Amino acid sequence: MTQYVQKNGDSREDSLIINFDSNPIGMVVVDHSSTVKQFNPAFAKMVNLEYEQILEQKLGVCLGCENSFSQKCGEALACNAC
């Protein structure tokens, strides 16, 4: 399994990372501008993209949101309902 989130030596945080990585539910962490910072393998499988195609991309682009191509991701009117 690819390590999607880097461990840092803190056993509690490492445990959280292991649970994040091994969870069968797709999970993603984005910053204030909807840029993907971390994700688990289940998310990559869900969106059918490779690691390099997801990390540092806008979430809407990864999800194939039609609004992310016509407007700035996270700023379309439809984003409030997503």
N, C-alpha and C. Protein backbone atom coordinates (compact mmCIF):
# COMPACT_ATOMS: atom_id res chain seq x y z
N MET A 1 0.85 -1.18 0.00
CA MET A 1 0.00 0.00 0.00
C MET A 1 0.89 1.24 0.00
N THR A 2 0.57 2.21 -0.80
CA THR A 2 1.31 3.47 -0.84
C THR A 2 1.04 4.26 0.43
N GLN A 3 2.08 4.86 0.97
CA GLN A 3 1.90 5.70 2.15
C GLN A 3 1.44 7.08 1.67
N TYR A 4 0.20 7.40 1.89
CA TYR A 4 -0.37 8.66 1.41
C TYR A 4 -0.16 9.81 2.39
N VAL A 5 -0.02 9.48 3.67
CA VAL A 5 0.21 10.50 4.68
C VAL A 5 1.49 10.11 5.40
N GLN A 6 2.40 11.05 5.55
CA GLN A 6 3.70 10.74 6.14
C GLN A 6 3.64 10.66 7.66
N LYS A 7 4.23 9.60 8.22
CA LYS A 7 4.30 9.45 9.67
C LYS A 7 5.36 10.40 10.22
N ASN A 8 5.18 10.78 11.50
CA ASN A 8 6.13 11.73 12.07
C ASN A 8 6.78 11.25 13.37
N GLY A 9 6.48 10.03 13.83
CA GLY A 9 7.10 9.50 15.03
C GLY A 9 6.24 9.59 16.28
N ASP A 10 5.20 10.39 16.29
CA ASP A 10 4.27 10.49 17.42
C ASP A 10 3.31 9.31 17.32
N SER A 11 3.33 8.41 18.32
CA SER A 11 2.55 7.17 18.21
C SER A 11 1.05 7.43 18.08
N ARG A 12 0.52 8.44 18.75
CA ARG A 12 -0.91 8.74 18.62
C ARG A 12 -1.23 9.25 17.22
N GLU A 13 -0.38 10.12 16.73
CA GLU A 13 -0.61 10.65 15.39
C GLU A 13 -0.38 9.56 14.34
N ASP A 14 0.65 8.72 14.55
CA ASP A 14 0.89 7.62 13.63
C ASP A 14 -0.30 6.67 13.59
N SER A 15 -0.92 6.42 14.73
CA SER A 15 -2.10 5.57 14.80
C SER A 15 -3.25 6.17 13.99
N LEU A 16 -3.43 7.46 14.12
CA LEU A 16 -4.46 8.16 13.36
C LEU A 16 -4.17 8.04 11.86
N ILE A 17 -2.92 8.19 11.49
CA ILE A 17 -2.53 8.09 10.08
C ILE A 17 -2.79 6.69 9.55
N ILE A 18 -2.45 5.67 10.33
CA ILE A 18 -2.70 4.30 9.91
C ILE A 18 -4.19 4.07 9.71
N ASN A 19 -5.02 4.57 10.62
CA ASN A 19 -6.47 4.44 10.48
C ASN A 19 -6.98 5.21 9.27
N PHE A 20 -6.43 6.38 9.03
CA PHE A 20 -6.81 7.20 7.87
C PHE A 20 -6.49 6.44 6.59
N ASP A 21 -5.26 5.93 6.50
CA ASP A 21 -4.81 5.23 5.30
C ASP A 21 -5.57 3.94 5.05
N SER A 22 -5.92 3.21 6.11
CA SER A 22 -6.53 1.90 5.93
C SER A 22 -8.06 1.94 5.90
N ASN A 23 -8.65 3.09 6.11
CA ASN A 23 -10.11 3.20 6.12
C ASN A 23 -10.67 2.92 4.73
N PRO A 24 -11.70 2.10 4.61
CA PRO A 24 -12.27 1.80 3.30
C PRO A 24 -13.14 2.92 2.74
N ILE A 25 -13.37 3.94 3.54
CA ILE A 25 -14.15 5.10 3.09
C ILE A 25 -13.19 6.16 2.57
N GLY A 26 -13.46 6.68 1.39
CA GLY A 26 -12.61 7.71 0.80
C GLY A 26 -12.60 8.97 1.66
N MET A 27 -11.41 9.40 2.05
CA MET A 27 -11.28 10.61 2.88
C MET A 27 -10.22 11.51 2.27
N VAL A 28 -10.47 12.80 2.38
CA VAL A 28 -9.55 13.78 1.81
C VAL A 28 -9.47 14.98 2.75
N VAL A 29 -8.30 15.57 2.83
CA VAL A 29 -8.08 16.78 3.63
C VAL A 29 -7.71 17.89 2.65
N VAL A 30 -8.45 18.99 2.72
CA VAL A 30 -8.17 20.13 1.85
C VAL A 30 -7.85 21.36 2.69
N ASP A 31 -7.17 22.30 2.08
CA ASP A 31 -6.89 23.55 2.78
C ASP A 31 -8.00 24.56 2.51
N HIS A 32 -7.81 25.79 2.94
CA HIS A 32 -8.84 26.84 2.82
C HIS A 32 -9.22 27.15 1.38
N SER A 33 -8.35 26.80 0.43
CA SER A 33 -8.66 27.09 -0.97
C SER A 33 -9.08 25.84 -1.76
N SER A 34 -9.49 24.80 -1.04
CA SER A 34 -9.96 23.54 -1.63
C SER A 34 -8.87 22.76 -2.36
N THR A 35 -7.61 22.98 -1.97
CA THR A 35 -6.50 22.23 -2.54
C THR A 35 -6.28 20.97 -1.71
N VAL A 36 -6.16 19.83 -2.36
CA VAL A 36 -5.98 18.55 -1.67
C VAL A 36 -4.58 18.50 -1.05
N LYS A 37 -4.55 18.27 0.26
CA LYS A 37 -3.30 18.18 1.00
C LYS A 37 -2.99 16.75 1.42
N GLN A 38 -4.01 15.96 1.72
CA GLN A 38 -3.84 14.57 2.12
C GLN A 38 -5.08 13.80 1.68
N PHE A 39 -4.90 12.51 1.41
CA PHE A 39 -6.03 11.66 1.06
C PHE A 39 -5.63 10.22 1.30
N ASN A 40 -6.62 9.36 1.37
CA ASN A 40 -6.33 7.95 1.60
C ASN A 40 -6.50 7.17 0.29
N PRO A 41 -6.00 5.93 0.25
CA PRO A 41 -6.12 5.13 -0.96
C PRO A 41 -7.55 4.92 -1.43
N ALA A 42 -8.49 4.84 -0.50
CA ALA A 42 -9.90 4.65 -0.88
C ALA A 42 -10.41 5.86 -1.68
N PHE A 43 -9.93 7.05 -1.34
CA PHE A 43 -10.33 8.24 -2.11
C PHE A 43 -9.76 8.16 -3.52
N ALA A 44 -8.49 7.76 -3.65
CA ALA A 44 -7.87 7.63 -4.97
C ALA A 44 -8.64 6.62 -5.83
N LYS A 45 -9.04 5.53 -5.22
CA LYS A 45 -9.81 4.52 -5.94
C LYS A 45 -11.18 5.07 -6.33
N MET A 46 -11.80 5.82 -5.43
CA MET A 46 -13.13 6.37 -5.67
C MET A 46 -13.13 7.32 -6.87
N VAL A 47 -12.08 8.14 -6.99
CA VAL A 47 -12.03 9.12 -8.09
C VAL A 47 -11.26 8.57 -9.29
N ASN A 48 -10.72 7.34 -9.15
CA ASN A 48 -10.01 6.67 -10.23
C ASN A 48 -8.84 7.50 -10.76
N LEU A 49 -8.05 8.05 -9.83
CA LEU A 49 -6.87 8.83 -10.19
C LEU A 49 -5.67 8.32 -9.43
N GLU A 50 -4.50 8.60 -9.95
CA GLU A 50 -3.25 8.24 -9.30
C GLU A 50 -2.85 9.32 -8.30
N TYR A 51 -1.96 8.94 -7.38
CA TYR A 51 -1.48 9.84 -6.32
C TYR A 51 -1.08 11.21 -6.88
N GLU A 52 -0.25 11.20 -7.92
CA GLU A 52 0.27 12.45 -8.49
C GLU A 52 -0.81 13.29 -9.14
N GLN A 53 -1.92 12.67 -9.53
CA GLN A 53 -3.01 13.40 -10.16
C GLN A 53 -3.94 14.06 -9.14
N ILE A 54 -3.77 13.71 -7.87
CA ILE A 54 -4.66 14.21 -6.82
C ILE A 54 -3.98 15.25 -5.94
N LEU A 55 -2.81 14.93 -5.43
CA LEU A 55 -2.13 15.79 -4.47
C LEU A 55 -1.89 17.18 -5.05
N GLU A 56 -2.26 18.21 -4.30
CA GLU A 56 -2.10 19.62 -4.66
C GLU A 56 -3.04 20.08 -5.78
N GLN A 57 -4.03 19.25 -6.12
CA GLN A 57 -5.05 19.67 -7.09
C GLN A 57 -6.26 20.21 -6.34
N LYS A 58 -7.08 20.95 -7.02
CA LYS A 58 -8.33 21.41 -6.43
C LYS A 58 -9.28 20.22 -6.30
N LEU A 59 -10.01 20.16 -5.20
CA LEU A 59 -10.91 19.04 -4.94
C LEU A 59 -11.93 18.88 -6.07
N GLY A 60 -12.48 19.97 -6.54
CA GLY A 60 -13.47 19.90 -7.62
C GLY A 60 -12.91 19.28 -8.88
N VAL A 61 -11.66 19.52 -9.17
CA VAL A 61 -11.02 18.92 -10.34
C VAL A 61 -10.93 17.41 -10.15
N CYS A 62 -10.51 16.98 -8.95
CA CYS A 62 -10.40 15.54 -8.66
C CYS A 62 -11.75 14.84 -8.75
N LEU A 63 -12.79 15.53 -8.35
CA LEU A 63 -14.14 14.96 -8.36
C LEU A 63 -14.82 15.08 -9.71
N GLY A 64 -14.18 15.78 -10.64
CA GLY A 64 -14.76 15.96 -11.97
C GLY A 64 -15.91 16.94 -11.99
N CYS A 65 -15.90 17.88 -11.07
CA CYS A 65 -16.97 18.88 -10.99
C CYS A 65 -16.92 19.79 -12.21
N GLU A 66 -18.05 19.88 -12.91
CA GLU A 66 -18.10 20.72 -14.10
C GLU A 66 -17.90 22.20 -13.77
N ASN A 67 -18.25 22.62 -12.55
CA ASN A 67 -18.09 24.02 -12.18
C ASN A 67 -16.63 24.40 -11.93
N SER A 68 -15.78 23.42 -11.61
CA SER A 68 -14.39 23.72 -11.32
C SER A 68 -13.62 24.11 -12.58
N PHE A 69 -14.17 23.83 -13.75
CA PHE A 69 -13.50 24.16 -14.99
C PHE A 69 -13.95 25.51 -15.53
N SER A 70 -15.17 25.91 -15.21
CA SER A 70 -15.70 27.16 -15.73
C SER A 70 -15.48 28.33 -14.78
N GLN A 71 -15.30 28.04 -13.49
CA GLN A 71 -15.07 29.07 -12.49
C GLN A 71 -13.98 28.59 -11.55
N LYS A 72 -13.51 29.46 -10.69
CA LYS A 72 -12.51 29.06 -9.71
C LYS A 72 -13.12 28.05 -8.75
N CYS A 73 -12.42 26.93 -8.55
CA CYS A 73 -12.92 25.86 -7.70
C CYS A 73 -13.27 26.38 -6.31
N GLY A 74 -14.48 26.06 -5.87
CA GLY A 74 -14.94 26.47 -4.56
C GLY A 74 -15.70 27.78 -4.55
N GLU A 75 -15.79 28.45 -5.69
CA GLU A 75 -16.44 29.77 -5.74
C GLU A 75 -17.69 29.81 -6.60
N ALA A 76 -18.06 28.69 -7.21
CA ALA A 76 -19.28 28.67 -8.03
C ALA A 76 -20.50 28.66 -7.12
N LEU A 77 -21.63 29.11 -7.61
CA LEU A 77 -22.85 29.11 -6.81
C LEU A 77 -23.22 27.70 -6.37
N ALA A 78 -22.96 26.71 -7.22
CA ALA A 78 -23.30 25.33 -6.90
C ALA A 78 -22.46 24.76 -5.76
N CYS A 79 -21.32 25.36 -5.47
CA CYS A 79 -20.44 24.84 -4.43
C CYS A 79 -21.11 24.83 -3.04
N ASN A 80 -21.98 25.75 -2.80
CA ASN A 80 -22.66 25.82 -1.51
C ASN A 80 -23.56 24.62 -1.27
N ALA A 81 -24.01 23.98 -2.33
CA ALA A 81 -24.90 22.84 -2.22
C ALA A 81 -24.16 21.51 -2.26
N CYS A 82 -22.86 21.57 -2.48
CA CYS A 82 -22.08 20.33 -2.63
C CYS A 82 -21.73 19.74 -1.27
